PDB file of N, CA and C in Angstrom:
ATOM      1  N   MET A   1      28.787  21.830   0.891  1.00  0.00           N
ATOM      2  CA  MET A   1      27.545  21.281   1.657  1.00  0.00           C
ATOM      3  C   MET A   1      26.314  21.651   1.928  1.00  0.00           C
ATOM      4  N   GLU A   2      27.253  21.141   3.330  1.00  0.00           N
ATOM      5  CA  GLU A   2      26.399  21.930   4.466  1.00  0.00           C
ATOM      6  C   GLU A   2      24.962  22.854   4.433  1.00  0.00           C
ATOM      7  N   SER A   3      25.870  24.178   4.233  1.00  0.00           N
ATOM      8  CA  SER A   3      25.165  25.407   3.421  1.00  0.00           C
ATOM      9  C   SER A   3      23.757  24.841   2.507  1.00  0.00           C
ATOM     10  N   SER A   4      24.338  24.568   1.991  1.00  0.00           N
ATOM     11  CA  SER A   4      23.214  23.907   0.926  1.00  0.00           C
ATOM     12  C   SER A   4      21.957  23.218   1.693  1.00  0.00           C
ATOM     13  N   ILE A   5      22.471  21.749   2.330  1.00  0.00           N
ATOM     14  CA  ILE A   5      21.430  21.689   3.092  1.00  0.00           C
ATOM     15  C   ILE A   5      20.551  22.381   4.322  1.00  0.00           C
ATOM     16  N   HIS A   6      20.916  23.397   4.895  1.00  0.00           N
ATOM     17  CA  HIS A   6      20.434  24.460   5.716  1.00  0.00           C
ATOM     18  C   HIS A   6      20.112  25.962   5.342  1.00  0.00           C
ATOM     19  N   ASN A   7      19.830  26.046   3.798  1.00  0.00           N
ATOM     20  CA  ASN A   7      19.407  26.417   2.836  1.00  0.00           C
ATOM     21  C   ASN A   7      18.361  25.866   2.288  1.00  0.00           C
ATOM     22  N   LEU A   8      18.289  24.109   2.249  1.00  0.00           N
ATOM     23  CA  LEU A   8      17.117  23.997   1.903  1.00  0.00           C
ATOM     24  C   LEU A   8      15.987  23.013   3.127  1.00  0.00           C
ATOM     25  N   LYS A   9      16.456  23.149   3.829  1.00  0.00           N
ATOM     26  CA  LYS A   9      15.947  23.354   5.222  1.00  0.00           C
ATOM     27  C   LYS A   9      14.746  24.635   5.366  1.00  0.00           C
ATOM     28  N   MET A  10      15.680  25.164   5.158  1.00  0.00           N
ATOM     29  CA  MET A  10      15.229  26.895   4.974  1.00  0.00           C
ATOM     30  C   MET A  10      14.184  27.092   4.611  1.00  0.00           C
ATOM     31  N   ASP A  11      14.235  26.383   3.205  1.00  0.00           N
ATOM     32  CA  ASP A  11      13.093  27.084   1.809  1.00  0.00           C
ATOM     33  C   ASP A  11      12.356  25.772   2.973  1.00  0.00           C
ATOM     34  N   PHE A  12      12.363  25.067   2.606  1.00  0.00           N
ATOM     35  CA  PHE A  12      11.438  23.821   3.405  1.00  0.00           C
ATOM     36  C   PHE A  12      10.614  24.263   5.027  1.00  0.00           C
ATOM     37  N   THR A  13      11.297  25.427   5.765  1.00  0.00           N
ATOM     38  CA  THR A  13      10.556  26.513   6.281  1.00  0.00           C
ATOM     39  C   THR A  13       9.177  27.332   6.090  1.00  0.00           C
ATOM     40  N   SER A  14      10.225  27.531   5.146  1.00  0.00           N
ATOM     41  CA  SER A  14       9.794  28.981   5.483  1.00  0.00           C
ATOM     42  C   SER A  14       7.911  28.393   3.927  1.00  0.00           C
ATOM     43  N   HIS A  15       8.051  27.798   2.965  1.00  0.00           N
ATOM     44  CA  HIS A  15       7.159  27.141   1.909  1.00  0.00           C
ATOM     45  C   HIS A  15       5.171  26.468   2.140  1.00  0.00           C
ATOM     46  N   THR A  16       6.629  25.721   3.958  1.00  0.00           N
ATOM     47  CA  THR A  16       5.858  25.282   4.687  1.00  0.00           C
ATOM     48  C   THR A  16       4.712  25.654   5.371  1.00  0.00           C
ATOM     49  N   GLY A  17       5.103  25.883   6.419  1.00  0.00           N
ATOM     50  CA  GLY A  17       4.937  26.476   7.495  1.00  0.00           C
ATOM     51  C   GLY A  17       6.052  25.566   8.369  1.00  0.00           C
ATOM     52  N   ASP A  18       6.571  24.440   8.858  1.00  0.00           N
ATOM     53  CA  ASP A  18       6.612  23.165   8.891  1.00  0.00           C
ATOM     54  C   ASP A  18       7.714  23.701   9.867  1.00  0.00           C
ATOM     55  N   GLY A  19       8.264  23.602  10.899  1.00  0.00           N
ATOM     56  CA  GLY A  19       9.622  23.740  11.649  1.00  0.00           C
ATOM     57  C   GLY A  19      10.506  21.958  11.537  1.00  0.00           C
ATOM     58  N   ALA A  20       9.978  21.179  11.499  1.00  0.00           N
ATOM     59  CA  ALA A  20      10.081  20.208  11.623  1.00  0.00           C
ATOM     60  C   ALA A  20      10.210  19.324  10.549  1.00  0.00           C
ATOM     61  N   PHE A  21      11.535  19.256  10.295  1.00  0.00           N
ATOM     62  CA  PHE A  21      12.036  19.111   8.016  1.00  0.00           C
ATOM     63  C   PHE A  21      11.777  17.112   9.166  1.00  0.00           C
ATOM     64  N   SER A  22      11.681  16.690   7.406  1.00  0.00           N
ATOM     65  CA  SER A  22      11.828  15.543   7.580  1.00  0.00           C
ATOM     66  C   SER A  22      11.960  15.485   6.244  1.00  0.00           C
ATOM     67  N   TRP A  23      13.189  14.789   5.511  1.00  0.00           N
ATOM     68  CA  TRP A  23      13.344  14.075   4.522  1.00  0.00           C
ATOM     69  C   TRP A  23      11.975  14.232   3.751  1.00  0.00           C
ATOM     70  N   ILE A  24      11.100  12.652   4.427  1.00  0.00           N
ATOM     71  CA  ILE A  24      10.377  12.305   3.723  1.00  0.00           C
ATOM     72  C   ILE A  24       8.991  13.838   3.349  1.00  0.00           C
ATOM     73  N   LYS A  25       8.772  14.206   4.468  1.00  0.00           N
ATOM     74  CA  LYS A  25       8.244  15.565   4.642  1.00  0.00           C
ATOM     75  C   LYS A  25       8.519  16.449   3.454  1.00  0.00           C
ATOM     76  N   LEU A  26      10.227  17.061   2.747  1.00  0.00           N
ATOM     77  CA  LEU A  26       9.962  17.879   1.736  1.00  0.00           C
ATOM     78  C   LEU A  26       9.414  16.699   0.089  1.00  0.00           C
ATOM     79  N   PHE A  27       9.636  15.450   0.594  1.00  0.00           N
ATOM     80  CA  PHE A  27       9.241  14.805  -0.908  1.00  0.00           C
ATOM     81  C   PHE A  27       7.578  15.271  -1.377  1.00  0.00           C
ATOM     82  N   ARG A  28       7.253  15.210  -0.154  1.00  0.00           N
ATOM     83  CA  ARG A  28       5.325  14.968  -0.327  1.00  0.00           C
ATOM     84  C   ARG A  28       5.534  16.405  -0.295  1.00  0.00           C
ATOM     85  N   GLN A  29       5.908  17.491   0.081  1.00  0.00           N
ATOM     86  CA  GLN A  29       5.120  18.575   0.352  1.00  0.00           C
ATOM     87  C   GLN A  29       5.990  18.948  -1.536  1.00  0.00           C
ATOM     88  N   ALA A  30       6.790  19.038  -2.024  1.00  0.00           N
ATOM     89  CA  ALA A  30       7.561  19.245  -3.341  1.00  0.00           C
ATOM     90  C   ALA A  30       6.601  18.429  -3.960  1.00  0.00           C
ATOM     91  N   ARG A  31       6.188  17.607  -4.465  1.00  0.00           N
ATOM     92  CA  ARG A  31       5.368  17.328  -5.918  1.00  0.00           C
ATOM     93  C   ARG A  31       3.743  17.873  -5.458  1.00  0.00           C
ATOM     94  N   ARG A  32       3.699  19.036  -4.390  1.00  0.00           N
ATOM     95  CA  ARG A  32       2.274  19.667  -3.983  1.00  0.00           C
ATOM     96  C   ARG A  32       2.782  21.614  -4.078  1.00  0.00           C
ATOM     97  N   ILE A  33       4.097  21.943  -3.944  1.00  0.00           N
ATOM     98  CA  ILE A  33       4.281  23.129  -4.010  1.00  0.00           C
ATOM     99  C   ILE A  33       5.463  23.004  -5.021  1.00  0.00           C
ATOM    100  N   PRO A  34       5.323  23.847  -5.856  1.00  0.00           N
ATOM    101  CA  PRO A  34       6.059  23.835  -7.477  1.00  0.00           C
ATOM    102  C   PRO A  34       7.178  25.114  -7.371  1.00  0.00           C
ATOM    103  N   GLY A  35       7.114  25.848  -6.193  1.00  0.00           N
ATOM    104  CA  GLY A  35       8.740  26.684  -5.763  1.00  0.00           C
ATOM    105  C   GLY A  35       8.793  25.513  -5.081  1.00  0.00           C
ATOM    106  N   LEU A  36       8.650  25.275  -3.687  1.00  0.00           N
ATOM    107  CA  LEU A  36       9.658  24.167  -3.232  1.00  0.00           C
ATOM    108  C   LEU A  36      10.716  23.164  -3.939  1.00  0.00           C
ATOM    109  N   HIS A  37      10.059  22.234  -4.821  1.00  0.00           N
ATOM    110  CA  HIS A  37       9.810  22.072  -5.568  1.00  0.00           C
ATOM    111  C   HIS A  37      10.975  22.015  -6.997  1.00  0.00           C
ATOM    112  N   TYR A  38      11.327  23.152  -7.802  1.00  0.00           N
ATOM    113  CA  TYR A  38      12.308  23.317  -8.248  1.00  0.00           C
ATOM    114  C   TYR A  38      13.210  23.668  -7.215  1.00  0.00           C
ATOM    115  N   MET A  39      13.339  24.388  -6.460  1.00  0.00           N
ATOM    116  CA  MET A  39      14.013  24.501  -5.505  1.00  0.00           C
ATOM    117  C   MET A  39      15.111  23.289  -4.869  1.00  0.00           C
ATOM    118  N   MET A  40      13.929  22.855  -4.692  1.00  0.00           N
ATOM    119  CA  MET A  40      14.722  21.324  -3.767  1.00  0.00           C
ATOM    120  C   MET A  40      15.746  20.753  -4.906  1.00  0.00           C
ATOM    121  N   TRP A  41      15.704  20.711  -6.356  1.00  0.00           N
ATOM    122  CA  TRP A  41      16.420  20.153  -6.731  1.00  0.00           C
ATOM    123  C   TRP A  41      17.572  20.772  -7.591  1.00  0.00           C
ATOM    124  N   PHE A  42      16.991  22.784  -6.871  1.00  0.00           N
ATOM    125  CA  PHE A  42      18.311  23.886  -7.150  1.00  0.00           C
ATOM    126  C   PHE A  42      19.623  22.951  -6.257  1.00  0.00           C
ATOM    127  N   ARG A  43      18.425  23.066  -5.742  1.00  0.00           N
ATOM    128  CA  ARG A  43      19.875  22.681  -3.587  1.00  0.00           C
ATOM    129  C   ARG A  43      20.670  21.258  -4.340  1.00  0.00           C
ATOM    130  N   PHE A  44      20.191  20.518  -4.732  1.00  0.00           N
ATOM    131  CA  PHE A  44      20.378  19.099  -4.955  1.00  0.00           C
ATOM    132  C   PHE A  44      21.416  19.655  -6.297  1.00  0.00           C
ATOM    133  N   CYS A  45      21.374  20.587  -7.139  1.00  0.00           N
ATOM    134  CA  CYS A  45      22.640  20.732  -7.598  1.00  0.00           C
ATOM    135  C   CYS A  45      24.231  21.035  -7.577  1.00  0.00           C
ATOM    136  N   ASN A  46      23.020  22.515  -6.800  1.00  0.00           N
ATOM    137  CA  ASN A  46      24.630  22.882  -5.636  1.00  0.00           C
ATOM    138  C   ASN A  46      25.149  21.902  -4.871  1.00  0.00           C
ATOM    139  N   LEU A  47      24.045  21.112  -4.029  1.00  0.00           N
ATOM    140  CA  LEU A  47      25.309  19.533  -3.255  1.00  0.00           C
ATOM    141  C   LEU A  47      26.111  18.618  -4.581  1.00  0.00           C
ATOM    142  N   THR A  48      25.946  18.413  -5.359  1.00  0.00           N
ATOM    143  CA  THR A  48      26.058  17.522  -5.621  1.00  0.00           C
ATOM    144  C   THR A  48      27.484  18.219  -7.057  1.00  0.00           C
ATOM    145  N   LYS A  49      27.643  19.040  -6.889  1.00  0.00           N
ATOM    146  CA  LYS A  49      28.568  19.847  -8.052  1.00  0.00           C
ATOM    147  C   LYS A  49      29.905  18.916  -8.281  1.00  0.00           C
ATOM    148  N   GLY A  50      30.159  18.835  -7.301  1.00  0.00           N
ATOM    149  CA  GLY A  50      31.708  17.340  -7.861  1.00  0.00           C
ATOM    150  C   GLY A  50      31.272  16.019  -8.159  1.00  0.00           C
ATOM    151  N   ILE A  51      30.749  15.582  -7.927  1.00  0.00           N
ATOM    152  CA  ILE A  51      29.657  14.069  -9.072  1.00  0.00           C
ATOM    153  C   ILE A  51      29.168  14.486  -9.516  1.00  0.00           C
ATOM    154  N   ARG A  52      30.394  14.382 -11.224  1.00  0.00           N
ATOM    155  CA  ARG A  52      29.622  14.459 -12.717  1.00  0.00           C
ATOM    156  C   ARG A  52      28.600  14.243 -12.931  1.00  0.00           C
ATOM    157  N   ILE A  53      27.946  12.693 -12.937  1.00  0.00           N
ATOM    158  CA  ILE A  53      27.311  12.351 -13.720  1.00  0.00           C
ATOM    159  C   ILE A  53      25.669  12.416 -12.186  1.00  0.00           C
ATOM    160  N   VAL A  54      26.174  12.192 -11.098  1.00  0.00           N
ATOM    161  CA  VAL A  54      25.206  12.808 -10.516  1.00  0.00           C
ATOM    162  C   VAL A  54      24.789  14.373 -10.429  1.00  0.00           C
ATOM    163  N   ASN A  55      25.238  15.033 -10.361  1.00  0.00           N
ATOM    164  CA  ASN A  55      25.230  16.667 -10.650  1.00  0.00           C
ATOM    165  C   ASN A  55      24.574  16.736 -12.113  1.00  0.00           C
ATOM    166  N   ARG A  56      24.944  16.218 -13.487  1.00  0.00           N
ATOM    167  CA  ARG A  56      23.945  15.630 -14.454  1.00  0.00           C
ATOM    168  C   ARG A  56      22.549  15.423 -14.733  1.00  0.00           C
ATOM    169  N   LEU A  57      22.785  14.781 -13.645  1.00  0.00           N
ATOM    170  CA  LEU A  57      21.282  14.234 -13.894  1.00  0.00           C
ATOM    171  C   LEU A  57      20.329  15.215 -12.633  1.00  0.00           C
ATOM    172  N   CYS A  58      21.461  15.415 -11.920  1.00  0.00           N
ATOM    173  CA  CYS A  58      20.484  16.221 -11.246  1.00  0.00           C
ATOM    174  C   CYS A  58      20.010  18.252 -12.189  1.00  0.00           C
ATOM    175  N   GLU A  59      21.261  18.170 -13.274  1.00  0.00           N
ATOM    176  CA  GLU A  59      20.532  19.911 -13.410  1.00  0.00           C
ATOM    177  C   GLU A  59      20.056  19.097 -14.901  1.00  0.00           C
ATOM    178  N   TYR A  60      19.266  18.232 -15.379  1.00  0.00           N
ATOM    179  CA  TYR A  60      18.291  17.197 -15.932  1.00  0.00           C
ATOM    180  C   TYR A  60      17.252  17.442 -15.734  1.00  0.00           C
ATOM    181  N   LYS A  61      16.853  17.009 -14.186  1.00  0.00           N
ATOM    182  CA  LYS A  61      15.842  16.746 -13.564  1.00  0.00           C
ATOM    183  C   LYS A  61      15.259  18.547 -13.434  1.00  0.00           C
ATOM    184  N   LEU A  62      16.463  19.375 -12.632  1.00  0.00           N
ATOM    185  CA  LEU A  62      16.163  20.845 -12.782  1.00  0.00           C
ATOM    186  C   LEU A  62      15.549  21.625 -14.187  1.00  0.00           C
ATOM    187  N   ARG A  63      15.691  21.243 -14.984  1.00  0.00           N
ATOM    188  CA  ARG A  63      15.403  22.043 -16.701  1.00  0.00           C
ATOM    189  C   ARG A  63      14.371  21.598 -16.701  1.00  0.00           C
ATOM    190  N   LYS A  64      14.241  19.533 -16.000  1.00  0.00           N
ATOM    191  CA  LYS A  64      12.583  18.960 -17.025  1.00  0.00           C
ATOM    192  C   LYS A  64      11.473  19.446 -15.483  1.00  0.00           C
ATOM    193  N   VAL A  65      11.758  20.101 -14.989  1.00  0.00           N
ATOM    194  CA  VAL A  65      10.786  21.050 -13.624  1.00  0.00           C
ATOM    195  C   VAL A  65      11.060  22.076 -13.372  1.00  0.00           C
ATOM    196  N   GLY A  66      11.567  22.813 -13.981  1.00  0.00           N
ATOM    197  CA  GLY A  66      12.120  24.537 -14.410  1.00  0.00           C
ATOM    198  C   GLY A  66      10.517  24.508 -15.594  1.00  0.00           C
ATOM    199  N   VAL A  67      11.161  23.550 -16.963  1.00  0.00           N
ATOM    200  CA  VAL A  67      10.081  23.970 -18.086  1.00  0.00           C
ATOM    201  C   VAL A  67       8.273  22.774 -17.363  1.00  0.00           C
ATOM    202  N   ARG A  68       8.661  22.592 -17.057  1.00  0.00           N
ATOM    203  CA  ARG A  68       6.738  21.773 -16.203  1.00  0.00           C
ATOM    204  C   ARG A  68       6.470  23.033 -15.124  1.00  0.00           C
ATOM    205  N   TYR A  69       7.283  24.044 -14.871  1.00  0.00           N
ATOM    206  CA  TYR A  69       6.494  24.992 -13.848  1.00  0.00           C
ATOM    207  C   TYR A  69       7.429  26.236 -14.557  1.00  0.00           C
ATOM    208  N   ASN A  70       7.673  26.715 -15.293  1.00  0.00           N
ATOM    209  CA  ASN A  70       7.617  27.371 -15.871  1.00  0.00           C
ATOM    210  C   ASN A  70       8.791  28.533 -14.938  1.00  0.00           C
ATOM    211  N   PHE A  71      10.017  27.967 -14.461  1.00  0.00           N
ATOM    212  CA  PHE A  71      10.512  28.979 -13.616  1.00  0.00           C
ATOM    213  C   PHE A  71      12.337  28.275 -14.536  1.00  0.00           C
ATOM    214  N   ASP A  72      12.892  29.457 -14.251  1.00  0.00           N
ATOM    215  CA  ASP A  72      14.285  29.218 -14.931  1.00  0.00           C
ATOM    216  C   ASP A  72      15.518  30.068 -14.183  1.00  0.00           C
ATOM    217  N   ILE A  73      16.016  29.479 -13.347  1.00  0.00           N
ATOM    218  CA  ILE A  73      17.691  29.747 -12.767  1.00  0.00           C
ATOM    219  C   ILE A  73      18.358  28.937 -12.823  1.00  0.00           C
ATOM    220  N   PRO A  74      20.342  29.307 -13.457  1.00  0.00           N
ATOM    221  CA  PRO A  74      20.449  28.637 -13.483  1.00  0.00           C
ATOM    222  C   PRO A  74      21.305  28.741 -12.215  1.00  0.00           C
ATOM    223  N   SER A  75      21.520  26.856 -12.410  1.00  0.00           N
ATOM    224  CA  SER A  75      21.780  26.045 -11.413  1.00  0.00           C
ATOM    225  C   SER A  75      23.265  27.210 -10.199  1.00  0.00           C
ATOM    226  N   ASP A  76      24.089  27.602 -11.138  1.00  0.00           N
ATOM    227  CA  ASP A  76      25.005  28.339 -10.642  1.00  0.00           C
ATOM    228  C   ASP A  76      24.740  29.559  -9.952  1.00  0.00           C
ATOM    229  N   THR A  77      23.631  30.690 -10.296  1.00  0.00           N
ATOM    230  CA  THR A  77      22.805  30.988  -8.954  1.00  0.00           C
ATOM    231  C   THR A  77      23.187  31.589  -7.534  1.00  0.00           C
ATOM    232  N   ARG A  78      22.906  31.975  -6.777  1.00  0.00           N
ATOM    233  CA  ARG A  78      23.258  31.902  -4.890  1.00  0.00           C
ATOM    234  C   ARG A  78      22.373  32.372  -4.902  1.00  0.00           C
ATOM    235  N   ILE A  79      21.626  31.608  -3.989  1.00  0.00           N
ATOM    236  CA  ILE A  79      20.047  31.898  -3.361  1.00  0.00           C
ATOM    237  C   ILE A  79      20.628  31.570  -2.412  1.00  0.00           C
ATOM    238  N   GLY A  80      19.933  32.458  -1.237  1.00  0.00           N
ATOM    239  CA  GLY A  80      20.265  32.396   0.119  1.00  0.00           C
ATOM    240  C   GLY A  80      18.941  31.510   0.519  1.00  0.00           C
ATOM    241  N   GLY A  81      19.235  30.440   2.018  1.00  0.00           N
ATOM    242  CA  GLY A  81      18.269  30.015   2.390  1.00  0.00           C
ATOM    243  C   GLY A  81      16.384  30.824   2.308  1.00  0.00           C
ATOM    244  N   GLY A  82      15.642  30.031   2.809  1.00  0.00           N
ATOM    245  CA  GLY A  82      14.299  30.695   2.613  1.00  0.00           C
ATOM    246  C   GLY A  82      13.852  31.679   1.568  1.00  0.00           C
ATOM    247  N   TYR A  83      14.419  30.726   0.997  1.00  0.00           N
ATOM    248  CA  TYR A  83      13.903  31.446  -0.746  1.00  0.00           C
ATOM    249  C   TYR A  83      12.067  30.927  -0.708  1.00  0.00           C
ATOM    250  N   LEU A  84      11.656  32.485  -1.121  1.00  0.00           N
ATOM    251  CA  LEU A  84       9.481  31.525  -1.538  1.00  0.00           C
ATOM    252  C   LEU A  84       9.502  32.443  -3.358  1.00  0.00           C
ATOM    253  N   TYR A  85       8.710  32.488  -3.784  1.00  0.00           N
ATOM    254  CA  TYR A  85       8.498  32.248  -5.292  1.00  0.00           C
ATOM    255  C   TYR A  85       7.725  32.707  -4.789  1.00  0.00           C
TER     256      TYR A  85
END
């Protein structure tokens, strides 16, 4: 769980160049940057694997965002932090 949060922070930093992470900044930037938006939901899917209902909601959102931006990375794929599209 902690590694997924760390990877999400690294994704945020690599996409925005801003080293000062905050959840509010993440959600604001994710609306503007398609790759970060997809990776945010990808990381949330990895975080919620043990919570069935929440994970299904995250998987649904991941598919929806993937169709919108034409991304298709299965949620069980292992991707390190700092991923750039």
